[in-house]
Amino acid sequence: MASVPHDDHVHNEHGDQDDTVLLEDEEGNERAFQIVEVIEVEGKEYAVLVPRDDPEGDGVVLRIDTAGDGEEYLVDIEDDDEWNRVVRAYEAAVGEDA
C-alpha cells in the first residue's frame, strides 16, 4: 500500500466522524478502509484499518507519520522489528478489552 494522507480526525475517539481512507494497492486499485483503532507504540502512532466492504476481513496496520506542514500520512511498516512490536502491542490492547 502506498503512503496516503489522511485527516486529523483519525484521533477522534467519539466515533462521530467517518474515519475512512482510500488505500491504493500495487496494481493501482483503490479500496476503502475504516480506521478502527489508533495505538501508540514507543512514541509513534499506528492506525489499524479494516476494509469497509468486509469488516471481518484481513486488516491493515500502518504507521501515522507527520509531514513538515503538520499533515499526517499513513505509511507501510517495513522494518520487521517495528512490525513485531506493533503486533504485540495491538494483541495486548485487544486482550485487555476482552
Protein backbone atom coordinates (compact mmCIF):
# COMPACT_ATOMS: atom_id res chain seq x y z
CA MET A 1 0.00 0.00 0.00
CA ALA A 2 1.20 3.47 -0.77
CA SER A 3 1.51 6.39 1.60
CA VAL A 4 -1.75 8.26 1.80
CA PRO A 5 -2.64 11.49 3.52
CA HIS A 6 -5.48 11.38 5.97
CA ASP A 7 -7.32 13.92 8.06
CA ASP A 8 -6.62 14.75 11.67
CA HIS A 9 -9.98 13.25 12.62
CA VAL A 10 -8.20 9.91 12.94
CA HIS A 11 -7.73 10.76 16.62
CA ASN A 12 -11.43 11.28 17.21
CA GLU A 13 -12.32 8.69 19.85
CA HIS A 14 -16.02 9.52 19.97
CA GLY A 15 -16.97 7.86 16.71
CA ASP A 16 -18.89 10.84 15.37
CA GLN A 17 -16.87 11.07 12.17
CA ASP A 18 -16.44 8.60 9.35
CA ASP A 19 -12.81 7.51 9.70
CA THR A 20 -12.47 6.20 6.16
CA VAL A 21 -9.38 6.34 3.97
CA LEU A 22 -8.78 5.11 0.44
CA LEU A 23 -5.71 2.94 0.03
CA GLU A 24 -4.18 2.08 -3.32
CA ASP A 25 -2.56 -1.30 -3.87
CA GLU A 26 0.46 -2.06 -6.06
CA GLU A 27 -1.81 -2.50 -9.07
CA GLY A 28 -3.46 0.89 -8.68
CA ASN A 29 -6.75 -0.41 -7.29
CA GLU A 30 -8.35 1.75 -4.61
CA ARG A 31 -10.17 0.24 -1.67
CA ALA A 32 -11.92 1.97 1.23
CA PHE A 33 -10.75 1.15 4.75
CA GLN A 34 -12.13 2.23 8.09
CA ILE A 35 -9.77 3.21 10.89
CA VAL A 36 -10.95 1.17 13.85
CA GLU A 37 -8.13 1.81 16.30
CA VAL A 38 -5.13 4.07 16.79
CA ILE A 39 -2.44 2.73 19.09
CA GLU A 40 0.80 4.25 20.32
CA VAL A 41 3.99 2.20 20.46
CA GLU A 42 7.28 3.72 21.60
CA GLY A 43 6.14 7.26 20.86
CA LYS A 44 4.76 6.53 17.38
CA GLU A 45 1.14 6.13 16.39
CA TYR A 46 -0.28 3.33 14.25
CA ALA A 47 -3.68 3.04 12.60
CA VAL A 48 -5.50 -0.28 12.49
CA LEU A 49 -7.75 -0.42 9.44
CA VAL A 50 -10.33 -2.89 8.14
CA PRO A 51 -11.94 -2.98 4.70
CA ARG A 52 -15.25 -1.05 4.62
CA ASP A 53 -16.78 -3.74 2.43
CA ASP A 54 -15.54 -6.63 4.58
CA PRO A 55 -15.14 -5.60 8.25
CA GLU A 56 -14.40 -9.20 9.23
CA GLY A 57 -11.67 -9.48 6.56
CA ASP A 58 -7.94 -9.04 6.95
CA GLY A 59 -6.98 -5.72 8.44
CA VAL A 60 -4.03 -3.45 7.75
CA VAL A 61 -1.75 -1.70 10.23
CA LEU A 62 0.03 1.45 9.06
CA ARG A 63 2.24 3.96 10.87
CA ILE A 64 1.00 7.53 11.14
CA ASP A 65 3.76 9.94 10.14
CA THR A 66 3.57 13.73 10.11
CA ALA A 67 4.94 15.91 7.31
CA GLY A 68 6.67 19.22 7.94
CA ASP A 69 3.42 21.09 7.33
CA GLY A 70 1.66 19.06 10.03
CA GLU A 71 -0.32 16.88 7.62
CA GLU A 72 -0.49 13.25 8.68
CA TYR A 73 0.24 10.33 6.37
CA LEU A 74 -0.26 6.58 6.64
CA VAL A 75 2.80 4.59 5.65
CA ASP A 76 3.75 0.91 5.45
CA ILE A 77 5.75 -0.61 8.29
CA GLU A 78 8.80 -2.02 6.52
CA ASP A 79 11.00 -2.89 9.49
CA ASP A 80 10.33 -6.40 10.88
CA ASP A 81 11.26 -5.45 14.45
CA GLU A 82 8.94 -2.44 14.37
CA TRP A 83 6.15 -4.62 12.92
CA ASN A 84 6.60 -7.21 15.68
CA ARG A 85 6.48 -4.53 18.40
CA VAL A 86 3.27 -3.09 16.96
CA VAL A 87 1.62 -6.51 16.63
CA ARG A 88 2.49 -7.38 20.24
CA ALA A 89 1.14 -4.03 21.47
CA TYR A 90 -2.06 -4.44 19.48
CA GLU A 91 -2.59 -8.00 20.71
CA ALA A 92 -2.04 -6.83 24.29
CA ALA A 93 -4.54 -3.99 23.82
CA VAL A 94 -7.14 -6.33 22.31
CA GLY A 95 -6.58 -8.79 25.14
CA GLU A 96 -7.25 -6.06 27.70
CA ASP A 97 -10.55 -5.17 26.01
CA ALA A 98 -11.80 -8.76 26.07
